[in-house]
PDB file of N, CA and C in Angstrom:
ATOM      1  N   UNK A   1       6.096   7.831  45.293  1.00  0.00           N
ATOM      2  CA  UNK A   1       4.758   8.073  45.707  1.00  0.00           C
ATOM      3  C   UNK A   1       4.546   9.481  46.277  1.00  0.00           C
ATOM      4  N   UNK A   2       4.841   9.653  47.580  1.00  0.00           N
ATOM      5  CA  UNK A   2       4.875  11.003  48.079  1.00  0.00           C
ATOM      6  C   UNK A   2       6.334  11.644  47.941  1.00  0.00           C
ATOM      7  N   UNK A   3       6.222  12.765  47.354  1.00  0.00           N
ATOM      8  CA  UNK A   3       7.459  13.487  47.170  1.00  0.00           C
ATOM      9  C   UNK A   3       7.781  14.209  48.446  1.00  0.00           C
ATOM     10  N   UNK A   4       9.052  14.424  48.782  1.00  0.00           N
ATOM     11  CA  UNK A   4       9.306  15.010  50.005  1.00  0.00           C
ATOM     12  C   UNK A   4       9.077  16.563  49.939  1.00  0.00           C
ATOM     13  N   UNK A   5       8.920  17.045  48.721  1.00  0.00           N
ATOM     14  CA  UNK A   5       8.718  18.557  48.478  1.00  0.00           C
ATOM     15  C   UNK A   5       7.053  18.753  48.322  1.00  0.00           C
ATOM     16  N   UNK A   6       6.511  19.361  49.306  1.00  0.00           N
ATOM     17  CA  UNK A   6       5.089  19.604  49.281  1.00  0.00           C
ATOM     18  C   UNK A   6       4.796  20.910  48.848  1.00  0.00           C
ATOM     19  N   UNK A   7       3.732  21.257  48.091  1.00  0.00           N
ATOM     20  CA  UNK A   7       3.620  22.441  47.699  1.00  0.00           C
ATOM     21  C   UNK A   7       2.432  22.985  48.655  1.00  0.00           C
ATOM     22  N   UNK A   8       2.320  24.343  48.735  1.00  0.00           N
ATOM     23  CA  UNK A   8       1.261  24.968  49.772  1.00  0.00           C
ATOM     24  C   UNK A   8      -0.096  24.696  49.219  1.00  0.00           C
ATOM     25  N   UNK A   9      -0.208  24.413  47.944  1.00  0.00           N
ATOM     26  CA  UNK A   9      -1.601  24.311  47.341  1.00  0.00           C
ATOM     27  C   UNK A   9      -2.060  22.808  47.634  1.00  0.00           C
ATOM     28  N   UNK A  10      -1.264  21.942  48.142  1.00  0.00           N
ATOM     29  CA  UNK A  10      -1.545  20.558  48.277  1.00  0.00           C
ATOM     30  C   UNK A  10      -1.861  20.267  49.623  1.00  0.00           C
ATOM     31  N   UNK A  11      -1.850  21.253  50.451  1.00  0.00           N
ATOM     32  CA  UNK A  11      -1.950  20.742  51.926  1.00  0.00           C
ATOM     33  C   UNK A  11      -3.480  20.748  52.428  1.00  0.00           C
ATOM     34  N   UNK A  12      -4.369  21.059  51.493  1.00  0.00           N
ATOM     35  CA  UNK A  12      -5.828  21.100  51.895  1.00  0.00           C
ATOM     36  C   UNK A  12      -6.387  22.381  52.483  1.00  0.00           C
ATOM     37  N   UNK A  13      -5.609  23.337  52.611  1.00  0.00           N
ATOM     38  CA  UNK A  13      -6.134  24.578  53.282  1.00  0.00           C
ATOM     39  C   UNK A  13      -6.912  25.509  52.187  1.00  0.00           C
ATOM     40  N   UNK A  14      -7.720  26.198  52.778  1.00  0.00           N
ATOM     41  CA  UNK A  14      -8.576  27.098  52.018  1.00  0.00           C
ATOM     42  C   UNK A  14      -7.951  28.625  52.087  1.00  0.00           C
ATOM     43  N   UNK A  15      -7.734  29.073  50.816  1.00  0.00           N
ATOM     44  CA  UNK A  15      -6.993  30.481  50.792  1.00  0.00           C
ATOM     45  C   UNK A  15      -8.087  31.477  51.074  1.00  0.00           C
ATOM     46  N   UNK A  16      -7.564  32.715  51.527  1.00  0.00           N
ATOM     47  CA  UNK A  16      -8.353  33.890  51.605  1.00  0.00           C
ATOM     48  C   UNK A  16      -9.039  34.271  50.300  1.00  0.00           C
ATOM     49  N   UNK A  17      -8.405  34.025  49.170  1.00  0.00           N
ATOM     50  CA  UNK A  17      -8.972  34.448  47.980  1.00  0.00           C
ATOM     51  C   UNK A  17     -10.105  33.591  47.584  1.00  0.00           C
ATOM     52  N   UNK A  18     -10.120  32.236  47.940  1.00  0.00           N
ATOM     53  CA  UNK A  18     -11.207  31.333  47.765  1.00  0.00           C
ATOM     54  C   UNK A  18     -12.474  31.697  48.679  1.00  0.00           C
ATOM     55  N   UNK A  19     -12.172  31.995  49.826  1.00  0.00           N
ATOM     56  CA  UNK A  19     -13.280  32.433  50.850  1.00  0.00           C
ATOM     57  C   UNK A  19     -13.866  33.688  50.303  1.00  0.00           C
ATOM     58  N   UNK A  20     -13.053  34.820  49.868  1.00  0.00           N
ATOM     59  CA  UNK A  20     -13.750  36.038  49.294  1.00  0.00           C
ATOM     60  C   UNK A  20     -14.502  35.763  48.026  1.00  0.00           C
ATOM     61  N   UNK A  21     -13.982  34.795  47.141  1.00  0.00           N
ATOM     62  CA  UNK A  21     -14.820  34.460  45.947  1.00  0.00           C
ATOM     63  C   UNK A  21     -15.959  33.845  46.267  1.00  0.00           C
ATOM     64  N   UNK A  22     -16.087  32.941  47.211  1.00  0.00           N
ATOM     65  CA  UNK A  22     -17.300  32.216  47.447  1.00  0.00           C
ATOM     66  C   UNK A  22     -18.282  33.307  48.038  1.00  0.00           C
ATOM     67  N   UNK A  23     -17.893  34.129  49.039  1.00  0.00           N
ATOM     68  CA  UNK A  23     -18.761  35.136  49.560  1.00  0.00           C
ATOM     69  C   UNK A  23     -19.248  36.048  48.484  1.00  0.00           C
ATOM     70  N   UNK A  24     -18.431  36.445  47.653  1.00  0.00           N
ATOM     71  CA  UNK A  24     -18.835  37.405  46.527  1.00  0.00           C
ATOM     72  C   UNK A  24     -19.863  36.669  45.707  1.00  0.00           C
ATOM     73  N   UNK A  25     -19.599  35.439  45.256  1.00  0.00           N
ATOM     74  CA  UNK A  25     -20.643  34.604  44.544  1.00  0.00           C
ATOM     75  C   UNK A  25     -21.968  34.672  45.208  1.00  0.00           C
ATOM     76  N   UNK A  26     -21.998  34.297  46.570  1.00  0.00           N
ATOM     77  CA  UNK A  26     -23.216  34.187  47.225  1.00  0.00           C
ATOM     78  C   UNK A  26     -24.023  35.477  47.219  1.00  0.00           C
ATOM     79  N   UNK A  27     -23.378  36.620  47.505  1.00  0.00           N
ATOM     80  CA  UNK A  27     -23.961  37.956  47.525  1.00  0.00           C
ATOM     81  C   UNK A  27     -24.497  38.234  45.944  1.00  0.00           C
ATOM     82  N   UNK A  28     -23.717  37.770  44.992  1.00  0.00           N
ATOM     83  CA  UNK A  28     -24.214  38.040  43.589  1.00  0.00           C
ATOM     84  C   UNK A  28     -25.467  37.210  43.287  1.00  0.00           C
ATOM     85  N   UNK A  29     -25.545  36.019  43.665  1.00  0.00           N
ATOM     86  CA  UNK A  29     -26.592  35.009  43.507  1.00  0.00           C
ATOM     87  C   UNK A  29     -27.790  35.753  44.210  1.00  0.00           C
ATOM     88  N   UNK A  30     -27.650  36.044  45.503  1.00  0.00           N
ATOM     89  CA  UNK A  30     -28.647  36.556  46.295  1.00  0.00           C
ATOM     90  C   UNK A  30     -29.299  37.895  45.704  1.00  0.00           C
ATOM     91  N   UNK A  31     -28.411  38.813  45.148  1.00  0.00           N
ATOM     92  CA  UNK A  31     -28.845  39.963  44.548  1.00  0.00           C
ATOM     93  C   UNK A  31     -29.670  39.655  43.377  1.00  0.00           C
ATOM     94  N   UNK A  32     -29.227  38.721  42.487  1.00  0.00           N
ATOM     95  CA  UNK A  32     -29.964  38.242  41.364  1.00  0.00           C
ATOM     96  C   UNK A  32     -31.296  37.735  41.651  1.00  0.00           C
ATOM     97  N   UNK A  33     -31.288  36.847  42.693  1.00  0.00           N
ATOM     98  CA  UNK A  33     -32.584  36.270  43.124  1.00  0.00           C
ATOM     99  C   UNK A  33     -33.474  37.233  43.529  1.00  0.00           C
ATOM    100  N   UNK A  34     -33.098  38.411  44.249  1.00  0.00           N
ATOM    101  CA  UNK A  34     -34.084  39.525  44.582  1.00  0.00           C
ATOM    102  C   UNK A  34     -34.506  40.340  43.487  1.00  0.00           C
ATOM    103  N   UNK A  35     -33.395  40.659  42.543  1.00  0.00           N
ATOM    104  CA  UNK A  35     -33.801  41.682  41.627  1.00  0.00           C
ATOM    105  C   UNK A  35     -34.390  41.222  40.266  1.00  0.00           C
ATOM    106  N   UNK A  36     -34.127  39.938  39.980  1.00  0.00           N
ATOM    107  CA  UNK A  36     -34.784  39.462  38.699  1.00  0.00           C
ATOM    108  C   UNK A  36     -36.291  39.359  38.734  1.00  0.00           C
ATOM    109  N   UNK A  37     -37.002  38.841  39.808  1.00  0.00           N
ATOM    110  CA  UNK A  37     -38.504  38.928  39.794  1.00  0.00           C
ATOM    111  C   UNK A  37     -39.016  40.395  39.737  1.00  0.00           C
ATOM    112  N   UNK A  38     -38.293  41.258  40.421  1.00  0.00           N
ATOM    113  CA  UNK A  38     -38.847  42.666  40.316  1.00  0.00           C
ATOM    114  C   UNK A  38     -38.726  43.312  38.841  1.00  0.00           C
ATOM    115  N   UNK A  39     -37.528  42.980  38.324  1.00  0.00           N
ATOM    116  CA  UNK A  39     -37.289  43.484  36.805  1.00  0.00           C
ATOM    117  C   UNK A  39     -38.345  42.869  36.082  1.00  0.00           C
ATOM    118  N   UNK A  40     -38.687  41.472  36.083  1.00  0.00           N
ATOM    119  CA  UNK A  40     -39.613  40.803  35.290  1.00  0.00           C
ATOM    120  C   UNK A  40     -40.964  41.528  35.464  1.00  0.00           C
ATOM    121  N   UNK A  41     -41.333  41.910  36.725  1.00  0.00           N
ATOM    122  CA  UNK A  41     -42.738  42.548  37.045  1.00  0.00           C
ATOM    123  C   UNK A  41     -42.751  43.881  36.413  1.00  0.00           C
ATOM    124  N   UNK A  42     -41.612  44.593  36.438  1.00  0.00           N
ATOM    125  CA  UNK A  42     -41.699  45.903  35.805  1.00  0.00           C
ATOM    126  C   UNK A  42     -41.811  45.774  34.314  1.00  0.00           C
ATOM    127  N   UNK A  43     -41.057  44.785  33.622  1.00  0.00           N
ATOM    128  CA  UNK A  43     -41.177  44.602  32.330  1.00  0.00           C
ATOM    129  C   UNK A  43     -42.645  44.237  31.905  1.00  0.00           C
ATOM    130  N   UNK A  44     -43.141  43.349  32.571  1.00  0.00           N
ATOM    131  CA  UNK A  44     -44.568  42.934  32.400  1.00  0.00           C
ATOM    132  C   UNK A  44     -45.426  44.173  32.481  1.00  0.00           C
ATOM    133  N   UNK A  45     -45.240  45.033  33.393  1.00  0.00           N
ATOM    134  CA  UNK A  45     -46.120  46.107  33.565  1.00  0.00           C
ATOM    135  C   UNK A  45     -45.967  47.073  32.399  1.00  0.00           C
ATOM    136  N   UNK A  46     -44.722  47.312  31.846  1.00  0.00           N
ATOM    137  CA  UNK A  46     -44.544  48.024  30.598  1.00  0.00           C
ATOM    138  C   UNK A  46     -45.187  47.458  29.414  1.00  0.00           C
ATOM    139  N   UNK A  47     -45.222  46.172  29.392  1.00  0.00           N
ATOM    140  CA  UNK A  47     -45.719  45.451  28.159  1.00  0.00           C
ATOM    141  C   UNK A  47     -47.441  45.622  28.278  1.00  0.00           C
ATOM    142  N   UNK A  48     -47.879  45.719  29.507  1.00  0.00           N
ATOM    143  CA  UNK A  48     -49.486  45.814  29.752  1.00  0.00           C
ATOM    144  C   UNK A  48     -49.685  47.181  29.321  1.00  0.00           C
ATOM    145  N   UNK A  49     -48.803  48.242  29.606  1.00  0.00           N
ATOM    146  CA  UNK A  49     -49.070  49.600  29.196  1.00  0.00           C
ATOM    147  C   UNK A  49     -49.171  49.784  27.745  1.00  0.00           C
ATOM    148  N   UNK A  50     -48.229  49.129  27.011  1.00  0.00           N
ATOM    149  CA  UNK A  50     -48.258  49.118  25.623  1.00  0.00           C
ATOM    150  C   UNK A  50     -49.545  48.416  25.129  1.00  0.00           C
ATOM    151  N   UNK A  51     -49.873  47.451  25.691  1.00  0.00           N
ATOM    152  CA  UNK A  51     -51.126  46.811  25.201  1.00  0.00           C
ATOM    153  C   UNK A  51     -52.412  47.701  25.296  1.00  0.00           C
ATOM    154  N   UNK A  52     -52.514  48.400  26.637  1.00  0.00           N
ATOM    155  CA  UNK A  52     -53.449  49.298  26.674  1.00  0.00           C
ATOM    156  C   UNK A  52     -53.425  50.487  25.820  1.00  0.00           C
ATOM    157  N   UNK A  53     -52.267  51.063  25.551  1.00  0.00           N
ATOM    158  CA  UNK A  53     -52.111  51.973  24.560  1.00  0.00           C
ATOM    159  C   UNK A  53     -52.468  51.823  23.198  1.00  0.00           C
ATOM    160  N   UNK A  54     -52.242  50.397  22.788  1.00  0.00           N
ATOM    161  CA  UNK A  54     -52.666  50.158  21.549  1.00  0.00           C
ATOM    162  C   UNK A  54     -54.134  49.676  21.289  1.00  0.00           C
ATOM    163  N   UNK A  55     -54.838  49.299  22.368  1.00  0.00           N
ATOM    164  CA  UNK A  55     -56.237  49.201  22.455  1.00  0.00           C
ATOM    165  C   UNK A  55     -57.174  50.270  22.909  1.00  0.00           C
ATOM    166  N   UNK A  56     -56.545  51.394  22.996  1.00  0.00           N
ATOM    167  CA  UNK A  56     -57.138  52.631  23.654  1.00  0.00           C
ATOM    168  C   UNK A  56     -58.339  53.144  22.979  1.00  0.00           C
ATOM    169  N   UNK A  57     -58.502  52.845  21.696  1.00  0.00           N
ATOM    170  CA  UNK A  57     -59.694  53.186  21.062  1.00  0.00           C
ATOM    171  C   UNK A  57     -60.999  52.544  21.470  1.00  0.00           C
ATOM    172  N   UNK A  58     -60.880  51.443  22.023  1.00  0.00           N
ATOM    173  CA  UNK A  58     -62.086  50.701  22.612  1.00  0.00           C
ATOM    174  C   UNK A  58     -62.375  51.054  23.969  1.00  0.00           C
ATOM    175  N   UNK A  59     -61.542  51.753  24.642  1.00  0.00           N
ATOM    176  CA  UNK A  59     -61.663  51.960  26.066  1.00  0.00           C
ATOM    177  C   UNK A  59     -61.666  53.442  26.432  1.00  0.00           C
ATOM    178  N   UNK A  60     -62.385  53.763  27.580  1.00  0.00           N
ATOM    179  CA  UNK A  60     -62.254  55.103  28.102  1.00  0.00           C
ATOM    180  C   UNK A  60     -60.929  55.282  28.966  1.00  0.00           C
ATOM    181  N   UNK A  61     -60.537  56.447  29.349  1.00  0.00           N
ATOM    182  CA  UNK A  61     -59.479  56.714  30.125  1.00  0.00           C
ATOM    183  C   UNK A  61     -59.664  56.080  31.518  1.00  0.00           C
ATOM    184  N   UNK A  62     -60.809  56.090  32.129  1.00  0.00           N
ATOM    185  CA  UNK A  62     -60.983  55.537  33.410  1.00  0.00           C
ATOM    186  C   UNK A  62     -60.835  54.107  33.408  1.00  0.00           C
ATOM    187  N   UNK A  63     -61.371  53.412  32.238  1.00  0.00           N
ATOM    188  CA  UNK A  63     -61.190  52.010  32.118  1.00  0.00           C
ATOM    189  C   UNK A  63     -59.753  51.626  32.086  1.00  0.00           C
ATOM    190  N   UNK A  64     -58.796  52.392  31.380  1.00  0.00           N
ATOM    191  CA  UNK A  64     -57.476  52.129  31.223  1.00  0.00           C
ATOM    192  C   UNK A  64     -56.803  52.272  32.587  1.00  0.00           C
ATOM    193  N   UNK A  65     -57.274  53.416  33.363  1.00  0.00           N
ATOM    194  CA  UNK A  65     -56.640  53.547  34.799  1.00  0.00           C
ATOM    195  C   UNK A  65     -57.002  52.329  35.653  1.00  0.00           C
ATOM    196  N   UNK A  66     -58.229  51.889  35.572  1.00  0.00           N
ATOM    197  CA  UNK A  66     -58.532  50.817  36.419  1.00  0.00           C
ATOM    198  C   UNK A  66     -57.732  49.554  36.067  1.00  0.00           C
ATOM    199  N   UNK A  67     -57.769  49.230  34.735  1.00  0.00           N
ATOM    200  CA  UNK A  67     -56.993  48.000  34.253  1.00  0.00           C
ATOM    201  C   UNK A  67     -55.530  48.044  34.722  1.00  0.00           C
ATOM    202  N   UNK A  68     -54.901  49.166  34.443  1.00  0.00           N
ATOM    203  CA  UNK A  68     -53.483  49.240  34.815  1.00  0.00           C
ATOM    204  C   UNK A  68     -53.270  49.306  36.176  1.00  0.00           C
ATOM    205  N   UNK A  69     -54.025  49.919  36.983  1.00  0.00           N
ATOM    206  CA  UNK A  69     -53.857  49.993  38.432  1.00  0.00           C
ATOM    207  C   UNK A  69     -54.079  48.490  39.081  1.00  0.00           C
ATOM    208  N   UNK A  70     -55.082  47.891  38.581  1.00  0.00           N
ATOM    209  CA  UNK A  70     -55.260  46.621  38.967  1.00  0.00           C
ATOM    210  C   UNK A  70     -54.198  45.492  38.693  1.00  0.00           C
ATOM    211  N   UNK A  71     -53.668  45.755  37.483  1.00  0.00           N
ATOM    212  CA  UNK A  71     -52.547  44.872  36.980  1.00  0.00           C
ATOM    213  C   UNK A  71     -51.332  45.173  37.815  1.00  0.00           C
ATOM    214  N   UNK A  72     -51.087  46.484  38.178  1.00  0.00           N
ATOM    215  CA  UNK A  72     -50.037  46.786  38.913  1.00  0.00           C
ATOM    216  C   UNK A  72     -49.988  46.269  40.393  1.00  0.00           C
ATOM    217  N   UNK A  73     -51.211  46.170  40.874  1.00  0.00           N
ATOM    218  CA  UNK A  73     -51.411  45.698  42.252  1.00  0.00           C
ATOM    219  C   UNK A  73     -51.086  44.235  42.233  1.00  0.00           C
ATOM    220  N   UNK A  74     -51.514  43.460  41.275  1.00  0.00           N
ATOM    221  CA  UNK A  74     -51.318  42.059  41.128  1.00  0.00           C
ATOM    222  C   UNK A  74     -49.825  41.817  41.169  1.00  0.00           C
ATOM    223  N   UNK A  75     -49.008  42.601  40.427  1.00  0.00           N
ATOM    224  CA  UNK A  75     -47.564  42.583  40.341  1.00  0.00           C
ATOM    225  C   UNK A  75     -46.860  43.056  41.481  1.00  0.00           C
ATOM    226  N   UNK A  76     -47.544  43.745  42.377  1.00  0.00           N
ATOM    227  CA  UNK A  76     -46.940  44.509  43.608  1.00  0.00           C
ATOM    228  C   UNK A  76     -45.979  45.667  43.168  1.00  0.00           C
ATOM    229  N   UNK A  77     -46.623  46.372  42.095  1.00  0.00           N
ATOM    230  CA  UNK A  77     -45.908  47.535  41.808  1.00  0.00           C
ATOM    231  C   UNK A  77     -46.604  48.889  42.298  1.00  0.00           C
ATOM    232  N   UNK A  78     -46.031  49.765  42.954  1.00  0.00           N
ATOM    233  CA  UNK A  78     -46.548  50.854  43.509  1.00  0.00           C
ATOM    234  C   UNK A  78     -47.127  51.856  42.667  1.00  0.00           C
ATOM    235  N   UNK A  79     -48.145  51.506  41.886  1.00  0.00           N
ATOM    236  CA  UNK A  79     -48.679  52.529  40.916  1.00  0.00           C
ATOM    237  C   UNK A  79     -50.078  53.000  41.310  1.00  0.00           C
ATOM    238  N   UNK A  80     -50.324  54.204  41.281  1.00  0.00           N
ATOM    239  CA  UNK A  80     -51.647  54.635  41.785  1.00  0.00           C
ATOM    240  C   UNK A  80     -52.150  55.614  40.746  1.00  0.00           C
ATOM    241  N   UNK A  81     -53.314  56.321  40.857  1.00  0.00           N
ATOM    242  CA  UNK A  81     -53.729  57.281  40.010  1.00  0.00           C
ATOM    243  C   UNK A  81     -52.923  58.595  40.005  1.00  0.00           C
ATOM    244  N   UNK A  82     -52.092  58.807  41.058  1.00  0.00           N
ATOM    245  CA  UNK A  82     -51.286  60.065  41.087  1.00  0.00           C
ATOM    246  C   UNK A  82     -50.018  59.895  40.240  1.00  0.00           C
ATOM    247  N   UNK A  83     -49.484  58.812  40.115  1.00  0.00           N
ATOM    248  CA  UNK A  83     -48.257  58.478  39.254  1.00  0.00           C
ATOM    249  C   UNK A  83     -48.661  57.837  37.957  1.00  0.00           C
ATOM    250  N   UNK A  84     -49.820  57.740  37.599  1.00  0.00           N
ATOM    251  CA  UNK A  84     -50.134  57.191  36.233  1.00  0.00           C
ATOM    252  C   UNK A  84     -50.939  58.086  35.623  1.00  0.00           C
ATOM    253  N   UNK A  85     -50.527  58.499  34.249  1.00  0.00           N
ATOM    254  CA  UNK A  85     -51.163  59.619  33.571  1.00  0.00           C
ATOM    255  C   UNK A  85     -51.693  59.124  32.269  1.00  0.00           C
ATOM    256  N   UNK A  86     -52.875  59.356  31.793  1.00  0.00           N
ATOM    257  CA  UNK A  86     -53.396  58.990  30.560  1.00  0.00           C
ATOM    258  C   UNK A  86     -53.769  60.366  29.875  1.00  0.00           C
ATOM    259  N   UNK A  87     -53.343  60.542  28.593  1.00  0.00           N
ATOM    260  CA  UNK A  87     -53.797  61.647  27.973  1.00  0.00           C
ATOM    261  C   UNK A  87     -53.963  61.404  26.467  1.00  0.00           C
ATOM    262  N   UNK A  88     -55.079  61.882  26.091  1.00  0.00           N
ATOM    263  CA  UNK A  88     -55.318  61.785  24.584  1.00  0.00           C
ATOM    264  C   UNK A  88     -55.422  62.939  23.824  1.00  0.00           C
ATOM    265  N   UNK A  89     -55.137  62.818  22.513  1.00  0.00           N
ATOM    266  CA  UNK A  89     -55.264  63.980  21.560  1.00  0.00           C
ATOM    267  C   UNK A  89     -56.140  63.288  20.529  1.00  0.00           C
ATOM    268  N   UNK A  90     -56.168  63.972  19.446  1.00  0.00           N
ATOM    269  CA  UNK A  90     -56.938  63.467  18.260  1.00  0.00           C
ATOM    270  C   UNK A  90     -56.453  62.353  17.542  1.00  0.00           C
ATOM    271  N   UNK A  91     -55.110  62.136  17.554  1.00  0.00           N
ATOM    272  CA  UNK A  91     -54.511  61.104  16.842  1.00  0.00           C
ATOM    273  C   UNK A  91     -53.710  60.050  17.719  1.00  0.00           C
ATOM    274  N   UNK A  92     -53.446  60.345  18.938  1.00  0.00           N
ATOM    275  CA  UNK A  92     -52.665  59.499  19.813  1.00  0.00           C
ATOM    276  C   UNK A  92     -53.205  59.454  21.292  1.00  0.00           C
ATOM    277  N   UNK A  93     -52.753  58.356  22.035  1.00  0.00           N
ATOM    278  CA  UNK A  93     -52.931  58.412  23.376  1.00  0.00           C
ATOM    279  C   UNK A  93     -51.487  58.153  24.028  1.00  0.00           C
ATOM    280  N   UNK A  94     -51.193  58.871  25.074  1.00  0.00           N
ATOM    281  CA  UNK A  94     -49.926  58.677  25.704  1.00  0.00           C
ATOM    282  C   UNK A  94     -50.206  58.182  27.287  1.00  0.00           C
ATOM    283  N   UNK A  95     -49.556  57.213  27.625  1.00  0.00           N
ATOM    284  CA  UNK A  95     -49.824  56.551  28.993  1.00  0.00           C
ATOM    285  C   UNK A  95     -48.365  56.743  29.587  1.00  0.00           C
ATOM    286  N   UNK A  96     -48.323  57.474  30.732  1.00  0.00           N
ATOM    287  CA  UNK A  96     -46.873  57.598  31.394  1.00  0.00           C
ATOM    288  C   UNK A  96     -47.114  57.074  32.956  1.00  0.00           C
ATOM    289  N   UNK A  97     -46.166  56.491  33.355  1.00  0.00           N
ATOM    290  CA  UNK A  97     -46.038  55.890  34.757  1.00  0.00           C
ATOM    291  C   UNK A  97     -44.732  56.225  35.249  1.00  0.00           C
ATOM    292  N   UNK A  98     -44.664  56.906  36.447  1.00  0.00           N
ATOM    293  CA  UNK A  98     -43.434  57.227  37.225  1.00  0.00           C
ATOM    294  C   UNK A  98     -43.735  56.691  38.666  1.00  0.00           C
ATOM    295  N   UNK A  99     -42.754  55.636  38.938  1.00  0.00           N
ATOM    296  CA  UNK A  99     -42.868  55.109  40.317  1.00  0.00           C
ATOM    297  C   UNK A  99     -41.429  54.591  40.831  1.00  0.00           C
ATOM    298  N   UNK A 100     -41.328  54.246  41.986  1.00  0.00           N
ATOM    299  CA  UNK A 100     -40.113  53.836  42.590  1.00  0.00           C
ATOM    300  C   UNK A 100     -40.241  52.516  43.051  1.00  0.00           C
ATOM    301  N   UNK A 101     -39.510  51.542  42.638  1.00  0.00           N
ATOM    302  CA  UNK A 101     -39.427  50.114  43.169  1.00  0.00           C
ATOM    303  C   UNK A 101     -38.378  50.045  44.147  1.00  0.00           C
ATOM    304  N   UNK A 102     -38.634  49.411  45.223  1.00  0.00           N
ATOM    305  CA  UNK A 102     -37.617  49.218  46.317  1.00  0.00           C
ATOM    306  C   UNK A 102     -36.991  47.801  46.184  1.00  0.00           C
ATOM    307  N   UNK A 103     -35.746  47.665  45.980  1.00  0.00           N
ATOM    308  CA  UNK A 103     -34.980  46.385  45.687  1.00  0.00           C
ATOM    309  C   UNK A 103     -34.271  46.143  47.084  1.00  0.00           C
ATOM    310  N   UNK A 104     -34.720  45.316  47.945  1.00  0.00           N
ATOM    311  CA  UNK A 104     -34.095  45.066  49.084  1.00  0.00           C
ATOM    312  C   UNK A 104     -32.717  44.028  49.096  1.00  0.00           C
ATOM    313  N   UNK A 105     -31.684  44.439  49.314  1.00  0.00           N
ATOM    314  CA  UNK A 105     -30.478  43.434  49.304  1.00  0.00           C
ATOM    315  C   UNK A 105     -29.972  43.200  50.721  1.00  0.00           C
ATOM    316  N   UNK A 106     -29.054  42.470  50.941  1.00  0.00           N
ATOM    317  CA  UNK A 106     -28.625  42.126  52.351  1.00  0.00           C
ATOM    318  C   UNK A 106     -28.246  43.394  53.012  1.00  0.00           C
ATOM    319  N   UNK A 107     -27.537  44.335  52.560  1.00  0.00           N
ATOM    320  CA  UNK A 107     -27.010  45.508  53.284  1.00  0.00           C
ATOM    321  C   UNK A 107     -27.568  46.895  52.911  1.00  0.00           C
ATOM    322  N   UNK A 108     -28.403  46.838  51.853  1.00  0.00           N
ATOM    323  CA  UNK A 108     -28.816  48.121  51.438  1.00  0.00           C
ATOM    324  C   UNK A 108     -30.143  48.028  50.622  1.00  0.00           C
ATOM    325  N   UNK A 109     -31.066  48.983  50.734  1.00  0.00           N
ATOM    326  CA  UNK A 109     -32.409  48.939  50.074  1.00  0.00           C
ATOM    327  C   UNK A 109     -32.216  49.938  48.929  1.00  0.00           C
ATOM    328  N   UNK A 110     -32.073  49.441  47.740  1.00  0.00           N
ATOM    329  CA  UNK A 110     -31.797  50.203  46.513  1.00  0.00           C
ATOM    330  C   UNK A 110     -33.335  50.727  46.061  1.00  0.00           C
ATOM    331  N   UNK A 111     -33.372  52.021  45.792  1.00  0.00           N
ATOM    332  CA  UNK A 111     -34.669  52.700  45.160  1.00  0.00           C
ATOM    333  C   UNK A 111     -34.456  52.751  43.724  1.00  0.00           C
ATOM    334  N   UNK A 112     -35.196  52.016  42.908  1.00  0.00           N
ATOM    335  CA  UNK A 112     -35.161  51.893  41.437  1.00  0.00           C
ATOM    336  C   UNK A 112     -36.177  52.905  40.839  1.00  0.00           C
ATOM    337  N   UNK A 113     -35.891  54.049  40.394  1.00  0.00           N
ATOM    338  CA  UNK A 113     -36.767  54.998  39.868  1.00  0.00           C
ATOM    339  C   UNK A 113     -37.172  54.505  38.322  1.00  0.00           C
ATOM    340  N   UNK A 114     -38.488  54.225  38.117  1.00  0.00           N
ATOM    341  CA  UNK A 114     -38.841  53.643  36.937  1.00  0.00           C
ATOM    342  C   UNK A 114     -39.731  54.763  36.272  1.00  0.00           C
ATOM    343  N   UNK A 115     -39.417  55.089  34.985  1.00  0.00           N
ATOM    344  CA  UNK A 115     -40.286  56.091  34.295  1.00  0.00           C
ATOM    345  C   UNK A 115     -40.516  55.339  32.906  1.00  0.00           C
ATOM    346  N   UNK A 116     -41.959  55.440  32.671  1.00  0.00           N
ATOM    347  CA  UNK A 116     -42.238  54.551  31.440  1.00  0.00           C
ATOM    348  C   UNK A 116     -43.329  55.370  30.745  1.00  0.00           C
ATOM    349  N   UNK A 117     -43.161  55.518  29.367  1.00  0.00           N
ATOM    350  CA  UNK A 117     -44.179  56.201  28.534  1.00  0.00           C
ATOM    351  C   UNK A 117     -44.385  55.398  27.338  1.00  0.00           C
ATOM    352  N   UNK A 118     -45.780  55.061  27.121  1.00  0.00           N
ATOM    353  CA  UNK A 118     -46.231  54.328  26.034  1.00  0.00           C
ATOM    354  C   UNK A 118     -47.164  55.082  25.097  1.00  0.00           C
ATOM    355  N   UNK A 119     -46.902  55.174  23.855  1.00  0.00           N
ATOM    356  CA  UNK A 119     -47.714  55.892  22.877  1.00  0.00           C
ATOM    357  C   UNK A 119     -48.502  54.920  22.012  1.00  0.00           C
ATOM    358  N   UNK A 120     -49.826  55.254  21.936  1.00  0.00           N
ATOM    359  CA  UNK A 120     -50.658  54.405  21.062  1.00  0.00           C
ATOM    360  C   UNK A 120     -51.262  55.389  19.992  1.00  0.00           C
ATOM    361  N   UNK A 121     -51.454  54.793  18.887  1.00  0.00           N
ATOM    362  CA  UNK A 121     -52.116  55.574  17.713  1.00  0.00           C
ATOM    363  C   UNK A 121     -53.588  55.377  17.690  1.00  0.00           C
ATOM    364  N   UNK A 122     -54.355  56.463  17.693  1.00  0.00           N
ATOM    365  CA  UNK A 122     -55.747  56.390  17.551  1.00  0.00           C
ATOM    366  C   UNK A 122     -56.390  56.431  16.236  1.00  0.00           C
ATOM    367  N   UNK A 123     -57.176  55.610  15.771  1.00  0.00           N
ATOM    368  CA  UNK A 123     -57.549  55.575  14.398  1.00  0.00           C
ATOM    369  C   UNK A 123     -58.994  56.327  14.267  1.00  0.00           C
TER     370      UNK A 123
END
């Protein structure tokens, strides 16, 4: 039944390796919990920029500015008229956004510099 030789792993103690692994896993899950919604918001804003670039023939530059700035405000993305540029030529429109997203972690606030450029063809 009980053998007289007991192994160290059978005594019910938690090893330092297990504690470090659990702490690392908790930090990883927390970072993902914080970063993933920010990443999705940035991706969604890039998608909206592409939509606006593709529909640019129907809108003025000011309407594009207003739409994108309002959309960014809803997503809590720090975009304003200074870091959003819309430029047209005879055959294309270029929408550029340069901004910094702050990703707060437990010990450090990471500043993610995002630079996006979308080009739409004008017909």
